[in-house]
Amino acid sequence: MTDQSEEKNESGEIIRVRLPKKRNREIFAIAELMMGANHIRVKCGDGVTRMGRIKGKIKKRVWIREGDILIVIPWSFQDDKCDIIYRYTGPQVEWLRRAGYL
């Protein structure tokens, strides 16, 4: 399985979609509630609700809203917390739904 998949959408442009890397413990999550101070409550793909922290790398570049699909890494020493490392755009979410990942 590759880390990225490609497919053309209706307008013919190629959509690159980053997939979670299982060996790095990455999983899908949905942003539920903005808590402030770079923290978001997320519902993870394994059924656990965690407190997510926006990593500094994406804090300045990406705007995350409630309902966004994310990739998170749960903390190894505190299972109720995680780091948010990636946010999917609208076309990427549609591709994930059609491909059966969500």
Protein backbone atom coordinates (compact mmCIF):
# COMPACT_ATOMS: atom_id res chain seq x y z
CA MET A 1 0.00 0.00 0.00
CA THR A 2 1.37 3.41 -0.94
CA ASP A 3 1.32 6.55 1.17
CA GLN A 4 -0.36 8.60 -1.55
CA SER A 5 -3.00 7.81 -4.15
CA GLU A 6 -3.85 9.65 -7.35
CA GLU A 7 -7.09 9.93 -9.30
CA LYS A 8 -8.55 12.44 -11.70
CA ASN A 9 -11.72 14.25 -10.64
CA GLU A 10 -14.58 15.45 -12.86
CA SER A 11 -12.67 18.52 -14.09
CA GLY A 12 -9.68 16.36 -15.09
CA GLU A 13 -7.22 17.58 -12.46
CA ILE A 14 -5.22 15.03 -10.49
CA ILE A 15 -6.04 14.79 -6.78
CA ARG A 16 -3.20 13.65 -4.49
CA VAL A 17 -4.46 12.09 -1.29
CA ARG A 18 -2.21 11.34 1.68
CA LEU A 19 -3.25 8.20 3.55
CA PRO A 20 -2.51 7.40 7.22
CA LYS A 21 0.66 5.37 7.75
CA LYS A 22 -0.26 2.49 10.06
CA ARG A 23 3.37 1.85 11.04
CA ASN A 24 3.50 5.41 12.46
CA ARG A 25 0.19 4.86 14.35
CA GLU A 26 -1.61 7.46 12.19
CA ILE A 27 -5.42 7.24 12.04
CA PHE A 28 -8.35 9.20 10.57
CA ALA A 29 -10.27 11.60 12.84
CA ILE A 30 -13.08 14.18 12.64
CA ALA A 31 -12.77 17.58 14.34
CA GLU A 32 -15.66 17.87 16.82
CA LEU A 33 -15.12 20.94 19.00
CA MET A 34 -12.66 23.83 18.98
CA MET A 35 -11.26 24.20 22.52
CA GLY A 36 -8.91 27.15 21.94
CA ALA A 37 -5.14 27.44 22.44
CA ASN A 38 -4.43 25.08 19.48
CA HIS A 39 -6.51 22.25 20.96
CA ILE A 40 -9.42 20.47 19.27
CA ARG A 41 -11.59 17.60 20.51
CA VAL A 42 -11.52 14.90 17.81
CA LYS A 43 -13.43 11.65 17.25
CA CYS A 44 -10.87 9.11 16.03
CA GLY A 45 -11.39 6.21 13.64
CA ASP A 46 -10.84 3.69 16.46
CA GLY A 47 -13.90 5.07 18.30
CA VAL A 48 -12.04 7.06 20.98
CA THR A 49 -12.64 10.79 21.57
CA ARG A 50 -9.30 12.52 22.15
CA MET A 51 -7.96 15.99 22.82
CA GLY A 52 -5.95 16.92 19.73
CA ARG A 53 -3.09 19.38 19.63
CA ILE A 54 -2.32 21.19 16.38
CA LYS A 55 1.37 20.65 15.61
CA GLY A 56 3.43 23.80 15.07
CA LYS A 57 4.29 22.74 11.53
CA ILE A 58 0.66 23.06 10.34
CA LYS A 59 -0.54 25.65 12.87
CA LYS A 60 0.54 28.59 10.71
CA ARG A 61 -0.39 27.06 7.33
CA VAL A 62 -3.75 25.30 7.73
CA TRP A 63 -7.08 26.52 9.12
CA ILE A 64 -8.98 23.70 10.85
CA ARG A 65 -12.75 23.90 11.43
CA GLU A 66 -15.29 21.64 13.11
CA GLY A 67 -16.26 18.74 10.85
CA ASP A 68 -12.92 18.56 9.01
CA ILE A 69 -11.35 15.17 8.32
CA LEU A 70 -7.86 14.89 9.84
CA ILE A 71 -4.95 12.52 10.33
CA VAL A 72 -3.86 12.22 13.96
CA ILE A 73 -1.20 10.33 15.93
CA PRO A 74 -2.33 9.19 19.41
CA TRP A 75 0.20 9.76 22.17
CA SER A 76 1.90 6.56 23.33
CA PHE A 77 1.94 7.55 27.03
CA GLN A 78 -1.49 9.25 27.27
CA ASP A 79 -4.12 7.57 25.10
CA ASP A 80 -6.74 10.35 25.50
CA LYS A 81 -4.52 12.88 23.66
CA CYS A 82 -3.14 13.09 20.12
CA ASP A 83 -1.24 15.29 17.66
CA ILE A 84 -3.01 16.61 14.56
CA ILE A 85 -0.65 16.33 11.59
CA TYR A 86 -2.80 16.75 8.44
CA ARG A 87 -6.15 18.18 7.26
CA TYR A 88 -7.93 16.99 4.12
CA THR A 89 -9.43 19.42 1.59
CA GLY A 90 -12.95 19.05 0.15
CA PRO A 91 -11.99 17.20 -3.07
CA GLN A 92 -9.70 14.88 -1.09
CA VAL A 93 -12.54 13.98 1.30
CA GLU A 94 -14.82 13.19 -1.66
CA TRP A 95 -12.13 10.95 -3.16
CA LEU A 96 -11.68 9.14 0.19
CA ARG A 97 -15.43 8.52 0.42
CA ARG A 98 -15.64 7.17 -3.15
CA ALA A 99 -12.57 4.97 -2.59
CA GLY A 100 -14.07 3.51 0.60
CA TYR A 101 -11.57 4.81 3.14
CA LEU A 102 -14.21 6.75 5.12
